[in-house]
């Protein structure tokens, strides 16, 4: 696979975005956890300090009970002028409970000592500190401590944990490291799962596109039966079906092109071969250049000329740039003129042309010259196949639209003859180029197999349809439906 393909670009971009997003998430979550944990410790230590300050104040009444390592008589005062009550002996670490074996009520009985605590007097001197607090801590700001007693006349200040030292303890740091380690492991796991899932989805997305790409290459190489075979209801499956429809249309067009080339070559070869053969015979002296021989050559030359003209006409009619010269037409007058112009052709077989026209015909927009060509081809075809002294009937009907004031919507025209007719299984094929119902029919009858194809092209240019069927007289029936364009 080309490493510069769109698929690999998307895979690399997806992995970079995924890894980048996870890295950013890790940093953000890590900072968030640390910040929230710091807030928790600060709030917890302040609550702890407030509770200790309240117990120190309430437990001693007028005196202030302070934890210590020796018993001091109640009447003794320390050098800072604060009366000391009896103090427990086992206050050396946070893992021991305070107890008051003295005579006075001990507010700390059964209470767990904090990991780090300092009590200062109103002047900022250290009255008490735990083993894990720095006894020489002299730079604490009193405003940051919790006052013992009233705010106006505090007896001292209590500092606990993060109020003394903002750095996390080894125990807290180990806890945060364990959280970060768990988050890293979970992030790596989900990143791996996300990348694998993303690769699977990208592969599922590009697999049908690669099928379409391979099918396109095969079609470009001339393998007209190439199909993607994609199923589904998403946009890519719809694209695959559109490609298959296009490939089928290209295949049909190519087959049609090959058939047209073969049929055209065959149709042109016959008169050209006859002319060439006759001229060679005349040149070699085998044939004499009499009137009969020259008339035969002239007929073949005319047939070849008409064939080339018909091919040019059909090619121009099927061209996307073909435009009709539409103009208002008097349908009754049009068909009367058509009848007069075909009189000599029909008289050759003593045929009678019957026109069945409605009393009132609406104005019709059409290309008069092309419509004359259409109906001349139909009448010539009917004349060739009709028996001597037969009839040809042209019938016009208006198909009205009841939803719009019963106004005419379609013009239905049928042309019927009493000839041999068209078998039902061949009624759709007669409009193909060079198609003849009787493959053995001689070209000397004037048929070139292009007349009905030209009629179909002209009809479709007018937005109509044309079909073949069996007439009431047992012959062929050609039916047209033309929309009544506004004049």
Protein backbone atom coordinates (compact mmCIF):
# COMPACT_ATOMS: atom_id res chain seq x y z
CA UNK A 1 0.00 0.00 0.00
CA UNK A 2 1.22 3.47 -0.79
CA UNK A 3 2.38 5.05 2.44
CA UNK A 4 1.37 8.45 1.07
CA UNK A 5 -2.20 7.33 0.49
CA UNK A 6 -5.12 9.06 2.14
CA UNK A 7 -5.71 6.02 4.35
CA UNK A 8 -2.24 6.19 5.91
CA UNK A 9 -2.46 9.95 6.27
CA UNK A 10 -5.71 9.58 8.21
CA UNK A 11 -4.25 6.75 10.33
CA UNK A 12 -1.19 8.82 11.24
CA UNK A 13 -3.31 11.91 11.90
CA UNK A 14 -5.71 9.87 14.03
CA UNK A 15 -2.87 8.39 16.11
CA UNK A 16 -1.24 11.79 16.59
CA UNK A 17 -4.54 13.35 17.64
CA UNK A 18 -5.34 10.43 19.93
CA UNK A 19 -1.91 10.41 21.61
CA UNK A 20 -1.92 14.22 21.85
CA UNK A 21 -5.41 14.28 23.34
CA UNK A 22 -4.47 11.61 25.89
CA UNK A 23 -1.27 13.45 26.82
CA UNK A 24 -3.14 16.71 27.32
CA UNK A 25 -5.83 14.89 29.29
CA UNK A 26 -3.19 13.26 31.49
CA UNK A 27 -1.51 16.58 32.28
CA UNK A 28 -4.84 18.27 32.94
CA UNK A 29 -6.16 15.45 35.14
CA UNK A 30 -2.84 15.21 37.00
CA UNK A 31 -2.88 18.93 37.79
CA UNK A 32 -6.57 18.78 38.64
CA UNK A 33 -6.07 15.88 41.05
CA UNK A 34 -3.11 17.58 42.72
CA UNK A 35 -4.99 20.87 42.98
CA UNK A 36 -8.11 19.25 44.39
CA UNK A 37 -6.03 17.15 46.79
CA UNK A 38 -4.19 20.26 47.98
CA UNK A 39 -7.54 22.00 48.51
CA UNK A 40 -8.77 18.98 50.43
CA UNK A 41 -5.69 18.95 52.70
CA UNK A 42 -5.90 22.70 53.31
CA UNK A 43 -9.62 22.52 54.15
CA UNK A 44 -9.12 19.45 56.31
CA UNK A 45 -6.19 21.00 58.23
CA UNK A 46 -8.10 24.23 58.86
CA UNK A 47 -11.10 22.29 60.14
CA UNK A 48 -8.73 20.28 62.30
CA UNK A 49 -7.11 23.45 63.65
CA UNK A 50 -10.50 25.05 64.39
CA UNK A 51 -11.59 21.99 66.33
CA UNK A 52 -8.34 21.93 68.35
CA UNK A 53 -8.59 25.66 69.06
CA UNK A 54 -12.14 25.26 70.29
CA UNK A 55 -11.23 22.29 72.52
CA UNK A 56 -8.23 24.16 73.95
CA UNK A 57 -10.41 27.14 74.79
CA UNK A 58 -13.41 25.22 76.16
CA UNK A 59 -11.41 22.59 78.00
CA UNK A 60 -9.57 24.98 80.29
CA UNK A 61 -12.17 27.57 81.10
CA UNK A 62 -10.00 30.44 82.23
CA UNK A 63 -6.94 28.29 81.76
CA UNK A 64 -5.47 27.03 78.53
CA UNK A 65 -4.74 23.32 78.33
CA UNK A 66 -1.73 22.59 76.21
CA UNK A 67 -0.29 19.16 75.38
CA UNK A 68 3.14 18.65 76.80
CA UNK A 69 5.70 16.13 77.99
CA UNK A 70 5.72 16.91 81.74
CA UNK A 71 3.21 17.65 84.46
CA UNK A 72 3.16 21.15 85.69
CA UNK A 73 1.26 22.44 88.72
CA UNK A 74 -1.76 24.53 87.73
CA UNK A 75 -0.42 27.49 89.71
CA UNK A 76 2.75 27.60 87.73
CA UNK A 77 2.90 29.91 84.75
CA UNK A 78 5.33 29.71 81.92
CA UNK A 79 7.63 32.51 81.04
CA UNK A 80 5.16 33.81 78.50
CA UNK A 81 2.48 34.33 81.16
CA UNK A 82 0.08 31.59 80.01
CA UNK A 83 -1.22 29.18 82.66
CA UNK A 84 -0.46 25.55 81.72
CA UNK A 85 -2.72 22.76 82.80
CA UNK A 86 -1.76 19.19 83.31
CA UNK A 87 -0.49 17.66 80.14
CA UNK A 88 -0.38 14.06 78.90
CA UNK A 89 2.87 12.19 78.86
CA UNK A 90 2.35 10.33 75.57
CA UNK A 91 2.16 13.17 73.00
CA UNK A 92 5.35 12.37 71.13
CA UNK A 93 3.76 11.37 67.82
CA UNK A 94 0.56 11.55 65.86
CA UNK A 95 -0.02 7.84 66.37
CA UNK A 96 -0.76 8.27 70.11
CA UNK A 97 -3.95 9.49 71.68
CA UNK A 98 -3.99 12.42 73.99
CA UNK A 99 -4.96 11.57 77.53
CA UNK A 100 -5.35 13.64 80.65
CA UNK A 101 -4.59 11.68 83.78
CA UNK A 102 -4.65 14.89 85.82
CA UNK A 103 -7.30 16.19 88.07
CA UNK A 104 -8.83 18.67 85.64
CA UNK A 105 -11.15 17.68 82.79
CA UNK A 106 -9.09 16.88 79.69
CA UNK A 107 -10.73 18.03 76.40
CA UNK A 108 -8.34 15.89 74.32
CA UNK A 109 -9.15 12.56 75.88
CA UNK A 110 -9.44 9.93 73.15
CA UNK A 111 -8.43 12.40 70.46
CA UNK A 112 -5.85 11.55 67.74
CA UNK A 113 -3.01 14.04 67.48
CA UNK A 114 -2.44 15.67 64.07
CA UNK A 115 0.67 14.78 62.11
CA UNK A 116 2.01 18.34 62.40
CA UNK A 117 0.84 21.05 64.77
CA UNK A 118 2.24 24.29 66.24
CA UNK A 119 0.61 26.50 68.87
CA UNK A 120 1.80 30.08 69.14
CA UNK A 121 1.05 32.69 71.76
CA UNK A 122 -0.34 36.08 70.72
CA UNK A 123 3.22 37.36 70.37
CA UNK A 124 4.12 34.59 67.89
CA UNK A 125 6.29 32.49 70.21
CA UNK A 126 6.02 28.72 70.02
CA UNK A 127 4.13 27.24 72.95
CA UNK A 128 3.90 23.73 71.55
CA UNK A 129 4.89 21.75 68.46
CA UNK A 130 4.60 18.08 67.51
CA UNK A 131 7.68 16.04 66.77
CA UNK A 132 7.08 16.48 63.04
CA UNK A 133 6.81 20.25 63.31
CA UNK A 134 9.85 22.46 63.52
CA UNK A 135 10.08 23.74 67.11
CA UNK A 136 12.10 26.67 65.89
CA UNK A 137 9.38 27.72 63.43
CA UNK A 138 9.30 31.48 63.97
CA UNK A 139 8.17 32.78 60.56
CA UNK A 140 4.50 31.83 60.65
CA UNK A 141 2.06 34.64 59.99
CA UNK A 142 -0.44 34.85 62.84
CA UNK A 143 -3.22 35.94 60.50
CA UNK A 144 -3.00 32.54 58.78
CA UNK A 145 -3.53 30.63 62.04
CA UNK A 146 -6.75 29.74 63.85
CA UNK A 147 -7.21 31.95 66.93
CA UNK A 148 -7.82 30.35 70.31
CA UNK A 149 -10.71 32.20 71.88
CA UNK A 150 -12.15 35.37 70.44
CA UNK A 151 -10.71 37.05 67.40
CA UNK A 152 -10.36 40.33 69.32
CA UNK A 153 -8.45 38.88 72.24
CA UNK A 154 -6.99 35.52 71.24
CA UNK A 155 -5.06 33.43 73.73
CA UNK A 156 -2.96 31.93 70.97
CA UNK A 157 -2.98 30.52 67.46
CA UNK A 158 -3.16 26.97 66.16
CA UNK A 159 -1.40 25.84 62.97
CA UNK A 160 -1.93 22.35 61.55
CA UNK A 161 -0.39 20.53 58.55
CA UNK A 162 -0.41 22.61 55.39
CA UNK A 163 -0.83 25.79 57.44
CA UNK A 164 2.75 25.20 58.56
CA UNK A 165 4.35 23.58 55.50
CA UNK A 166 2.75 23.66 52.00
CA UNK A 167 4.88 20.83 50.66
CA UNK A 168 3.16 17.48 50.68
CA UNK A 169 4.32 14.88 53.12
CA UNK A 170 5.96 11.70 51.79
CA UNK A 171 2.76 9.86 52.57
CA UNK A 172 0.65 12.29 50.52
CA UNK A 173 3.18 12.27 47.70
CA UNK A 174 3.09 8.48 47.59
CA UNK A 175 -0.71 8.60 47.43
CA UNK A 176 -0.63 11.04 44.50
CA UNK A 177 2.00 8.94 42.74
CA UNK A 178 -0.22 5.89 43.05
CA UNK A 179 -3.14 7.86 41.57
CA UNK A 180 -1.03 9.12 38.67
CA UNK A 181 0.38 5.67 38.05
CA UNK A 182 -3.12 4.20 37.90
CA UNK A 183 -4.25 6.95 35.56
CA UNK A 184 -1.23 6.38 33.28
CA UNK A 185 -1.90 2.66 33.11
CA UNK A 186 -5.60 3.19 32.39
CA UNK A 187 -4.77 5.87 29.79
CA UNK A 188 -2.33 3.57 28.02
CA UNK A 189 -4.86 0.75 28.05
CA UNK A 190 -7.69 2.85 26.68
CA UNK A 191 -5.33 4.51 24.19
CA UNK A 192 -4.36 1.09 22.87
CA UNK A 193 -8.01 0.04 22.68
CA UNK A 194 -8.94 3.33 20.99
CA UNK A 195 -6.13 3.07 18.44
CA UNK A 196 -7.03 -0.54 17.58
CA UNK A 197 -10.70 0.39 17.30
CA UNK A 198 -9.81 3.43 15.18
CA UNK A 199 -7.64 1.31 12.86
CA UNK A 200 -10.49 -1.17 12.51
CA UNK A 201 -13.01 1.56 11.68
CA UNK A 202 -10.63 3.28 9.24
CA UNK A 203 -10.02 -0.04 7.52
CA UNK A 204 -13.78 -0.64 7.33
CA UNK A 205 -14.20 2.84 5.88
CA UNK A 206 -11.47 2.54 3.27
CA UNK A 207 -12.07 -1.06 2.26
CA UNK A 208 -15.05 -0.22 0.01
CA UNK A 209 -13.18 2.83 -1.33
CA UNK A 210 -10.29 0.57 -2.28
CA UNK A 211 -12.77 -1.73 -4.04
CA UNK A 212 -14.09 1.23 -6.01
CA UNK A 213 -10.53 2.28 -6.82
CA UNK A 214 -9.60 -1.19 -8.08
CA UNK A 215 -12.82 -1.39 -10.08
CA UNK A 216 -12.07 2.01 -11.63
CA UNK A 217 -8.62 0.81 -12.70
CA UNK A 218 -10.13 -2.34 -14.21
CA UNK A 219 -12.74 -0.31 -16.06
CA UNK A 220 -10.03 1.99 -17.42
CA UNK A 221 -8.23 -1.11 -18.74
CA UNK A 222 -11.33 -2.10 -20.70
CA UNK A 223 -12.79 -4.74 -18.36
CA UNK A 224 -16.37 -3.57 -18.90
CA UNK A 225 -17.93 -6.26 -16.68
CA UNK A 226 -16.14 -4.93 -13.56
CA UNK A 227 -18.45 -4.27 -10.60
CA UNK A 228 -17.82 -3.31 -6.97
CA UNK A 229 -20.69 -5.37 -5.56
CA UNK A 230 -20.95 -3.08 -2.52
CA UNK A 231 -23.99 -3.52 -0.29
CA UNK A 232 -25.37 -1.26 2.38
CA UNK A 233 -27.23 2.00 2.83
CA UNK A 234 -24.45 4.45 3.66
CA UNK A 235 -22.97 7.03 1.31
CA UNK A 236 -20.01 4.85 0.26
CA UNK A 237 -22.33 1.95 -0.61
CA UNK A 238 -24.46 4.36 -2.64
CA UNK A 239 -21.29 5.53 -4.39
CA UNK A 240 -20.45 1.90 -5.16
CA UNK A 241 -23.90 1.29 -6.61
CA UNK A 242 -23.62 4.47 -8.68
CA UNK A 243 -20.28 3.23 -9.98
CA UNK A 244 -21.83 -0.14 -10.84
CA UNK A 245 -24.66 1.58 -12.69
CA UNK A 246 -22.15 3.74 -14.54
CA UNK A 247 -20.02 0.68 -15.39
CA UNK A 248 -23.10 -1.11 -16.70
CA UNK A 249 -24.02 1.93 -18.81
CA UNK A 250 -20.44 2.14 -20.11
CA UNK A 251 -20.50 -1.56 -20.91
CA UNK A 252 -23.78 -1.24 -22.78
CA UNK A 253 -22.51 1.85 -24.61
CA UNK A 254 -19.33 0.05 -25.57
CA UNK A 255 -21.24 -2.97 -26.78
CA UNK A 256 -23.58 -0.65 -28.65
CA UNK A 257 -20.61 1.18 -30.15
CA UNK A 258 -19.00 -2.06 -31.26
CA UNK A 259 -22.31 -3.22 -32.70
CA UNK A 260 -22.82 0.09 -34.50
CA UNK A 261 -19.33 -0.04 -35.98
CA UNK A 262 -19.84 -3.62 -37.10
CA UNK A 263 -23.31 -2.92 -38.54
CA UNK A 264 -22.19 0.29 -40.24
CA UNK A 265 -19.18 -1.42 -41.75
CA UNK A 266 -21.42 -4.25 -42.94
CA UNK A 267 -24.02 -1.91 -44.41
CA UNK A 268 -21.42 0.20 -46.17
CA UNK A 269 -19.40 -2.77 -47.35
CA UNK A 270 -22.19 -4.30 -49.43
CA UNK A 271 -22.93 -1.39 -51.82
CA UNK A 272 -19.24 -0.44 -51.89
CA UNK A 273 -18.31 -4.02 -52.82
CA UNK A 274 -20.98 -4.13 -55.52
CA UNK A 275 -19.81 -0.86 -57.02
CA UNK A 276 -16.16 -1.91 -56.84
CA UNK A 277 -16.88 -5.32 -58.36
CA UNK A 278 -18.95 -3.93 -61.19
CA UNK A 279 -16.32 -1.32 -62.02
CA UNK A 280 -13.60 -3.98 -62.08
CA UNK A 281 -15.74 -6.11 -64.40
CA UNK A 282 -16.24 -3.12 -66.68
CA UNK A 283 -12.54 -2.36 -66.57
CA UNK A 284 -11.61 -5.94 -67.48
CA UNK A 285 -14.16 -6.01 -70.28
CA UNK A 286 -16.29 -8.74 -68.69
CA UNK A 287 -19.28 -6.37 -68.46
CA UNK A 288 -20.31 -3.98 -71.15
CA UNK A 289 -21.01 -0.37 -70.06
CA UNK A 290 -24.65 -0.52 -71.13
CA UNK A 291 -27.53 1.49 -69.65
CA UNK A 292 -28.73 -1.37 -67.43
CA UNK A 293 -25.31 -1.84 -65.87
CA UNK A 294 -24.87 1.88 -65.28
CA UNK A 295 -28.35 2.14 -63.70
CA UNK A 296 -27.44 -0.69 -61.31
CA UNK A 297 -24.27 1.15 -60.28
CA UNK A 298 -26.26 4.35 -59.85
CA UNK A 299 -28.77 2.62 -57.56
CA UNK A 300 -26.00 1.23 -55.38
CA UNK A 301 -24.35 4.66 -55.22
CA UNK A 302 -27.67 6.22 -54.23
CA UNK A 303 -28.20 3.58 -51.56
CA UNK A 304 -24.72 4.26 -50.21
CA UNK A 305 -25.35 8.00 -50.24
CA UNK A 306 -28.70 7.65 -48.42
CA UNK A 307 -27.12 5.34 -45.88
CA UNK A 308 -24.39 7.85 -45.13
CA UNK A 309 -26.99 10.63 -44.94
CA UNK A 310 -29.13 8.64 -42.51
CA UNK A 311 -26.11 7.92 -40.32
CA UNK A 312 -25.24 11.60 -40.26
CA UNK A 313 -28.85 12.49 -39.43
CA UNK A 314 -29.05 9.95 -36.61
CA UNK A 315 -25.70 11.06 -35.22
CA UNK A 316 -26.79 14.70 -35.16
CA UNK A 317 -30.14 13.81 -33.55
CA UNK A 318 -28.41 11.87 -30.77
CA UNK A 319 -25.84 14.59 -30.15
CA UNK A 320 -26.20 16.38 -26.76
CA UNK A 321 -25.87 19.72 -28.59
CA UNK A 322 -28.84 19.02 -30.83
CA UNK A 323 -31.55 21.69 -30.56
CA UNK A 324 -35.02 21.71 -32.06
CA UNK A 325 -36.48 24.71 -33.84
CA UNK A 326 -39.85 24.75 -32.11
CA UNK A 327 -42.70 26.74 -33.59
CA UNK A 328 -46.52 26.70 -33.35
CA UNK A 329 -47.99 24.15 -35.73
CA UNK A 330 -51.44 23.63 -37.22
CA UNK A 331 -51.67 19.84 -36.84
CA UNK A 332 -54.59 19.43 -39.25
CA UNK A 333 -52.78 21.38 -41.95
CA UNK A 334 -49.53 19.55 -41.21
CA UNK A 335 -51.03 16.11 -41.83
CA UNK A 336 -52.92 17.27 -44.93
CA UNK A 337 -49.64 18.59 -46.39
CA UNK A 338 -47.98 15.30 -45.45
CA UNK A 339 -50.69 13.36 -47.26
CA UNK A 340 -50.23 15.42 -50.41
CA UNK A 341 -46.44 15.12 -50.36
CA UNK A 342 -46.59 11.31 -50.03
CA UNK A 343 -49.21 10.85 -52.76
CA UNK A 344 -46.77 9.64 -55.42
CA UNK A 345 -45.06 7.20 -53.03
CA UNK A 346 -48.36 5.70 -51.95
CA UNK A 347 -49.74 5.62 -55.48
CA UNK A 348 -46.99 3.18 -56.50
CA UNK A 349 -48.91 0.48 -54.59
CA UNK A 350 -52.32 2.15 -54.92
CA UNK A 351 -52.39 2.65 -51.15
CA UNK A 352 -55.00 4.79 -49.44
CA UNK A 353 -53.97 7.09 -46.58
CA UNK A 354 -56.79 7.75 -44.09
CA UNK A 355 -56.53 10.59 -41.55
CA UNK A 356 -58.69 10.39 -38.40
CA UNK A 357 -58.38 13.83 -36.80
CA UNK A 358 -60.44 15.37 -33.96
CA UNK A 359 -62.69 18.28 -34.81
CA UNK A 360 -60.59 20.62 -32.68
CA UNK A 361 -56.87 20.37 -32.25
CA UNK A 362 -54.91 22.62 -29.90
CA UNK A 363 -51.85 24.53 -31.01
CA UNK A 364 -48.73 22.37 -30.91
CA UNK A 365 -45.11 23.42 -30.52
CA UNK A 366 -42.80 21.30 -32.61
CA UNK A 367 -39.97 21.22 -35.10
CA UNK A 368 -41.88 21.01 -38.38
CA UNK A 369 -38.98 19.72 -40.51
CA UNK A 370 -38.05 16.99 -38.02
CA UNK A 371 -41.66 15.89 -37.62
CA UNK A 372 -42.02 15.73 -41.41
CA UNK A 373 -38.93 13.52 -41.47
CA UNK A 374 -40.41 11.32 -38.73
CA UNK A 375 -43.75 10.72 -40.44
CA UNK A 376 -42.17 10.35 -43.91
CA UNK A 377 -40.01 7.55 -42.49
CA UNK A 378 -43.05 5.92 -40.93
CA UNK A 379 -45.08 6.18 -44.14
CA UNK A 380 -42.19 4.90 -46.27
CA UNK A 381 -41.82 1.95 -43.91
CA UNK A 382 -45.57 1.26 -44.01
CA UNK A 383 -45.61 1.60 -47.81
CA UNK A 384 -42.87 -1.02 -48.21
CA UNK A 385 -44.64 -3.55 -46.00
CA UNK A 386 -48.27 -2.94 -47.02
CA UNK A 387 -49.96 -5.16 -49.61
CA UNK A 388 -51.12 -3.78 -52.98
CA UNK A 389 -54.22 -1.56 -52.70
CA UNK A 390 -54.05 -1.58 -48.91
CA UNK A 391 -54.75 1.15 -46.38
CA UNK A 392 -52.65 3.17 -44.00
CA UNK A 393 -54.50 4.87 -41.15
CA UNK A 394 -53.19 7.80 -39.09
CA UNK A 395 -55.25 8.58 -35.95
CA UNK A 396 -54.87 11.53 -33.59
CA UNK A 397 -56.33 11.58 -30.08
CA UNK A 398 -56.09 14.05 -27.22
CA UNK A 399 -55.37 12.66 -23.79
CA UNK A 400 -56.88 15.19 -21.40
CA UNK A 401 -55.81 15.97 -17.85
CA UNK A 402 -58.88 15.95 -15.55
CA UNK A 403 -56.95 17.55 -12.68
CA UNK A 404 -56.32 20.78 -14.65
CA UNK A 405 -59.72 21.77 -16.05
CA UNK A 406 -59.71 18.76 -18.37
CA UNK A 407 -57.08 20.45 -20.59
CA UNK A 408 -55.23 18.36 -23.19
CA UNK A 409 -51.92 17.04 -21.85
CA UNK A 410 -50.75 14.51 -24.46
CA UNK A 411 -51.13 14.11 -28.18
CA UNK A 412 -51.48 10.43 -29.11
CA UNK A 413 -50.73 9.55 -32.73
CA UNK A 414 -50.95 6.06 -34.18
CA UNK A 415 -50.06 4.82 -37.67
CA UNK A 416 -51.44 1.42 -38.73
CA UNK A 417 -50.95 -0.70 -41.85
CA UNK A 418 -52.08 -4.07 -43.12
CA UNK A 419 -48.63 -5.55 -43.68
CA UNK A 420 -47.09 -8.64 -42.08
CA UNK A 421 -46.75 -6.89 -38.71
CA UNK A 422 -44.04 -7.13 -36.07
CA UNK A 423 -43.77 -10.14 -33.74
CA UNK A 424 -44.33 -9.21 -30.10
CA UNK A 425 -40.86 -10.30 -28.99
CA UNK A 426 -39.29 -7.97 -31.58
CA UNK A 427 -41.41 -4.89 -31.00
CA UNK A 428 -38.80 -3.17 -28.81
CA UNK A 429 -35.85 -4.05 -31.04
CA UNK A 430 -37.21 -2.51 -34.24
CA UNK A 431 -36.09 0.94 -33.05
CA UNK A 432 -32.45 -0.13 -32.85
CA UNK A 433 -30.00 0.86 -35.57
CA UNK A 434 -29.80 -1.48 -38.57
CA UNK A 435 -32.33 -3.84 -37.05
CA UNK A 436 -34.60 -5.61 -39.54
CA UNK A 437 -37.46 -7.91 -38.64
CA UNK A 438 -36.62 -10.04 -41.67
CA UNK A 439 -32.84 -10.44 -41.63
CA UNK A 440 -32.93 -11.94 -45.12
CA UNK A 441 -34.79 -9.00 -46.63
CA UNK A 442 -33.02 -7.56 -49.68
CA UNK A 443 -31.61 -4.06 -49.45
CA UNK A 444 -33.06 -3.41 -52.87
CA UNK A 445 -36.43 -2.75 -51.22
CA UNK A 446 -35.02 0.51 -49.90
CA UNK A 447 -34.79 -0.44 -46.23
CA UNK A 448 -31.59 0.54 -44.46
CA UNK A 449 -32.54 -0.29 -40.87
CA UNK A 450 -32.21 3.32 -39.69
CA UNK A 451 -35.65 4.80 -40.31
CA UNK A 452 -37.28 3.76 -37.02
CA UNK A 453 -34.13 4.64 -35.06
CA UNK A 454 -34.37 8.17 -36.50
CA UNK A 455 -38.09 8.29 -35.63
CA UNK A 456 -37.30 7.34 -32.02
CA UNK A 457 -34.60 10.02 -31.74
CA UNK A 458 -36.93 12.75 -33.07
CA UNK A 459 -39.75 11.64 -30.76
CA UNK A 460 -37.54 11.71 -27.69
CA UNK A 461 -36.21 15.15 -28.63
CA UNK A 462 -39.83 16.34 -28.44
CA UNK A 463 -40.16 14.76 -24.98
CA UNK A 464 -42.35 11.93 -26.22
CA UNK A 465 -42.31 8.16 -26.51
CA UNK A 466 -42.71 5.76 -29.40
CA UNK A 467 -43.67 2.09 -29.39
CA UNK A 468 -44.62 -0.71 -31.77
CA UNK A 469 -47.60 -3.02 -31.64
CA UNK A 470 -50.16 -4.89 -33.73
CA UNK A 471 -52.77 -2.92 -35.64
CA UNK A 472 -56.48 -3.72 -35.89
CA UNK A 473 -55.84 -4.58 -39.58
CA UNK A 474 -53.32 -7.27 -38.61
CA UNK A 475 -50.22 -5.31 -39.57
CA UNK A 476 -47.88 -3.06 -37.65
CA UNK A 477 -48.98 -0.21 -35.40
CA UNK A 478 -46.61 2.58 -34.41
CA UNK A 479 -47.84 4.68 -31.50
CA UNK A 480 -46.47 8.06 -30.43
CA UNK A 481 -47.20 10.14 -27.36
CA UNK A 482 -46.11 13.77 -27.57
CA UNK A 483 -46.57 16.34 -24.80
CA UNK A 484 -48.62 19.38 -25.76
CA UNK A 485 -46.13 22.13 -25.07
CA UNK A 486 -47.58 25.58 -24.53
CA UNK A 487 -47.65 27.52 -27.77
